[in-house]
Amino acid sequence: MTPPTVLLYMRAGCRFCAAKRAELEQNGRPFREIDVSATPEAIPELLKLTRGRRIVPVTVDGSRIEIATAGGTAF
């Protein structure tokens, strides 16, 4: 069975986002990037996930939400 696709909320130029993308690629996890700079309509959903924190990267893997665990960048 194929693992579910991970959502990666990110911002271009964010080194923490690039590191999270590399980690997902290295682990062979399928993921979909949502660049909050290019897709501002995604920000309200991201703010719900982060309880109002304006920070990336944020990953959503099924019911698991990971908010900038190794550092993050404000957007």
N, C-alpha and C. Protein backbone atom coordinates (compact mmCIF):
# COMPACT_ATOMS: atom_id res chain seq x y z
N MET A 1 0.84 -1.18 0.00
CA MET A 1 0.00 0.00 0.00
C MET A 1 0.89 1.25 0.00
N THR A 2 0.56 2.23 -0.80
CA THR A 2 1.33 3.47 -0.92
C THR A 2 1.01 4.37 0.27
N PRO A 3 2.06 4.94 0.91
CA PRO A 3 1.80 5.85 2.02
C PRO A 3 1.09 7.11 1.52
N PRO A 4 0.29 7.74 2.37
CA PRO A 4 -0.40 8.95 1.93
C PRO A 4 0.58 10.07 1.61
N THR A 5 0.17 10.95 0.75
CA THR A 5 0.99 12.10 0.38
C THR A 5 1.05 13.08 1.54
N VAL A 6 2.24 13.52 1.86
CA VAL A 6 2.46 14.51 2.92
C VAL A 6 2.29 15.89 2.31
N LEU A 7 1.64 16.79 3.04
CA LEU A 7 1.56 18.19 2.63
C LEU A 7 2.72 18.92 3.30
N LEU A 8 3.44 19.70 2.52
CA LEU A 8 4.55 20.49 3.04
C LEU A 8 4.25 21.96 2.77
N TYR A 9 3.88 22.68 3.81
CA TYR A 9 3.70 24.13 3.70
C TYR A 9 5.09 24.74 3.83
N MET A 10 5.46 25.57 2.86
CA MET A 10 6.81 26.12 2.82
C MET A 10 6.81 27.50 2.20
N ARG A 11 7.99 28.11 2.16
CA ARG A 11 8.19 29.40 1.51
C ARG A 11 9.50 29.33 0.76
N ALA A 12 9.51 29.82 -0.45
CA ALA A 12 10.72 29.83 -1.26
C ALA A 12 11.82 30.59 -0.53
N GLY A 13 13.04 30.04 -0.57
CA GLY A 13 14.18 30.68 0.07
C GLY A 13 14.36 30.32 1.53
N CYS A 14 13.47 29.52 2.08
CA CYS A 14 13.56 29.11 3.49
C CYS A 14 14.47 27.88 3.59
N ARG A 15 15.59 28.02 4.28
CA ARG A 15 16.54 26.90 4.38
C ARG A 15 15.97 25.74 5.18
N PHE A 16 15.10 26.03 6.14
CA PHE A 16 14.48 24.96 6.92
C PHE A 16 13.49 24.18 6.06
N CYS A 17 12.81 24.90 5.17
CA CYS A 17 11.87 24.26 4.24
C CYS A 17 12.64 23.36 3.27
N ALA A 18 13.77 23.85 2.78
CA ALA A 18 14.58 23.05 1.86
C ALA A 18 15.09 21.79 2.56
N ALA A 19 15.47 21.91 3.81
CA ALA A 19 15.94 20.75 4.57
C ALA A 19 14.81 19.74 4.76
N LYS A 20 13.60 20.22 5.03
CA LYS A 20 12.46 19.32 5.22
C LYS A 20 12.12 18.63 3.90
N ARG A 21 12.18 19.36 2.79
CA ARG A 21 11.94 18.77 1.46
C ARG A 21 12.96 17.67 1.19
N ALA A 22 14.24 17.94 1.47
CA ALA A 22 15.30 16.96 1.25
C ALA A 22 15.07 15.72 2.11
N GLU A 23 14.62 15.91 3.35
CA GLU A 23 14.35 14.79 4.24
C GLU A 23 13.22 13.91 3.67
N LEU A 24 12.17 14.53 3.20
CA LEU A 24 11.06 13.78 2.62
C LEU A 24 11.52 13.01 1.37
N GLU A 25 12.31 13.68 0.53
CA GLU A 25 12.82 13.03 -0.68
C GLU A 25 13.72 11.85 -0.32
N GLN A 26 14.60 12.05 0.66
CA GLN A 26 15.53 11.00 1.07
C GLN A 26 14.78 9.78 1.61
N ASN A 27 13.68 10.04 2.30
CA ASN A 27 12.88 8.95 2.87
C ASN A 27 11.90 8.35 1.85
N GLY A 28 11.90 8.89 0.63
CA GLY A 28 11.03 8.36 -0.41
C GLY A 28 9.55 8.62 -0.17
N ARG A 29 9.24 9.63 0.63
CA ARG A 29 7.85 9.96 0.93
C ARG A 29 7.27 10.85 -0.16
N PRO A 30 6.12 10.49 -0.71
CA PRO A 30 5.47 11.39 -1.66
C PRO A 30 4.96 12.61 -0.90
N PHE A 31 5.16 13.78 -1.49
CA PHE A 31 4.69 15.00 -0.82
C PHE A 31 4.25 16.02 -1.85
N ARG A 32 3.44 16.94 -1.37
CA ARG A 32 2.97 18.05 -2.20
C ARG A 32 3.33 19.33 -1.48
N GLU A 33 4.03 20.22 -2.18
CA GLU A 33 4.44 21.49 -1.59
C GLU A 33 3.35 22.54 -1.80
N ILE A 34 3.16 23.33 -0.77
CA ILE A 34 2.29 24.50 -0.86
C ILE A 34 3.12 25.69 -0.44
N ASP A 35 3.50 26.51 -1.41
CA ASP A 35 4.31 27.70 -1.16
C ASP A 35 3.36 28.81 -0.72
N VAL A 36 3.44 29.21 0.55
CA VAL A 36 2.50 30.20 1.07
C VAL A 36 2.73 31.58 0.48
N SER A 37 3.90 31.82 -0.08
CA SER A 37 4.15 33.11 -0.75
C SER A 37 3.42 33.16 -2.09
N ALA A 38 3.41 32.05 -2.80
CA ALA A 38 2.78 31.98 -4.12
C ALA A 38 1.30 31.61 -4.03
N THR A 39 0.88 31.06 -2.89
CA THR A 39 -0.50 30.60 -2.72
C THR A 39 -1.05 31.18 -1.41
N PRO A 40 -1.29 32.50 -1.38
CA PRO A 40 -1.73 33.12 -0.12
C PRO A 40 -3.09 32.61 0.36
N GLU A 41 -3.88 32.03 -0.53
CA GLU A 41 -5.17 31.49 -0.10
C GLU A 41 -5.01 30.27 0.82
N ALA A 42 -3.80 29.72 0.88
CA ALA A 42 -3.53 28.59 1.78
C ALA A 42 -3.20 29.04 3.20
N ILE A 43 -2.95 30.32 3.39
CA ILE A 43 -2.53 30.83 4.70
C ILE A 43 -3.59 30.61 5.79
N PRO A 44 -4.88 30.86 5.54
CA PRO A 44 -5.85 30.61 6.62
C PRO A 44 -5.82 29.17 7.14
N GLU A 45 -5.70 28.20 6.25
CA GLU A 45 -5.63 26.80 6.69
C GLU A 45 -4.35 26.56 7.48
N LEU A 46 -3.23 27.12 7.02
CA LEU A 46 -1.97 26.97 7.73
C LEU A 46 -2.05 27.59 9.13
N LEU A 47 -2.67 28.74 9.25
CA LEU A 47 -2.82 29.38 10.56
C LEU A 47 -3.67 28.54 11.50
N LYS A 48 -4.64 27.82 10.98
CA LYS A 48 -5.43 26.90 11.81
C LYS A 48 -4.53 25.77 12.33
N LEU A 49 -3.69 25.25 11.44
CA LEU A 49 -2.80 24.14 11.82
C LEU A 49 -1.79 24.56 12.87
N THR A 50 -1.33 25.80 12.78
CA THR A 50 -0.27 26.29 13.68
C THR A 50 -0.81 27.08 14.86
N ARG A 51 -2.14 27.14 14.97
CA ARG A 51 -2.79 27.93 16.03
C ARG A 51 -2.34 29.38 16.00
N GLY A 52 -2.29 29.92 14.79
CA GLY A 52 -2.00 31.34 14.61
C GLY A 52 -0.55 31.70 14.42
N ARG A 53 0.34 30.75 14.51
CA ARG A 53 1.76 31.05 14.31
C ARG A 53 2.05 31.17 12.82
N ARG A 54 2.72 32.22 12.42
CA ARG A 54 3.08 32.43 11.02
C ARG A 54 4.50 31.91 10.80
N ILE A 55 4.61 30.58 10.66
CA ILE A 55 5.91 29.93 10.56
C ILE A 55 5.83 28.75 9.60
N VAL A 56 6.90 28.52 8.88
CA VAL A 56 7.06 27.35 8.01
C VAL A 56 8.45 26.78 8.27
N PRO A 57 8.72 25.54 8.01
CA PRO A 57 7.87 24.55 7.35
C PRO A 57 6.89 23.90 8.32
N VAL A 58 5.78 23.48 7.75
CA VAL A 58 4.78 22.71 8.45
C VAL A 58 4.45 21.52 7.57
N THR A 59 4.47 20.32 8.16
CA THR A 59 4.09 19.13 7.41
C THR A 59 2.83 18.53 8.02
N VAL A 60 1.99 18.02 7.14
CA VAL A 60 0.78 17.33 7.55
C VAL A 60 0.87 15.93 6.95
N ASP A 61 0.96 14.94 7.82
CA ASP A 61 1.09 13.55 7.41
C ASP A 61 -0.06 12.78 8.06
N GLY A 62 -1.16 12.66 7.32
CA GLY A 62 -2.36 12.06 7.90
C GLY A 62 -2.87 12.97 8.99
N SER A 63 -2.95 12.46 10.22
CA SER A 63 -3.42 13.28 11.34
C SER A 63 -2.26 13.90 12.12
N ARG A 64 -1.02 13.63 11.69
CA ARG A 64 0.16 14.16 12.38
C ARG A 64 0.58 15.49 11.76
N ILE A 65 0.72 16.51 12.60
CA ILE A 65 1.13 17.84 12.16
C ILE A 65 2.46 18.15 12.83
N GLU A 66 3.44 18.53 12.02
CA GLU A 66 4.78 18.85 12.53
C GLU A 66 5.06 20.30 12.17
N ILE A 67 5.30 21.13 13.19
CA ILE A 67 5.49 22.56 12.99
C ILE A 67 6.94 22.92 13.25
N ALA A 68 7.67 23.23 12.20
CA ALA A 68 9.04 23.78 12.28
C ALA A 68 9.85 23.18 13.43
N THR A 69 10.05 21.87 13.40
CA THR A 69 10.73 21.19 14.51
C THR A 69 12.21 21.51 14.60
N ALA A 70 12.87 21.75 13.48
CA ALA A 70 14.32 21.99 13.51
C ALA A 70 14.64 23.46 13.32
N GLY A 71 13.66 24.30 13.46
CA GLY A 71 13.82 25.73 13.20
C GLY A 71 12.81 26.12 12.16
N GLY A 72 12.58 27.37 12.00
CA GLY A 72 11.60 27.78 11.02
C GLY A 72 11.81 29.21 10.59
N THR A 73 10.98 29.62 9.65
CA THR A 73 11.03 30.95 9.09
C THR A 73 9.64 31.55 9.15
N ALA A 74 9.55 32.77 9.59
CA ALA A 74 8.26 33.46 9.59
C ALA A 74 7.88 33.82 8.16
N PHE A 75 6.59 33.90 7.94
CA PHE A 75 6.14 34.34 6.60
C PHE A 75 5.20 35.50 6.76
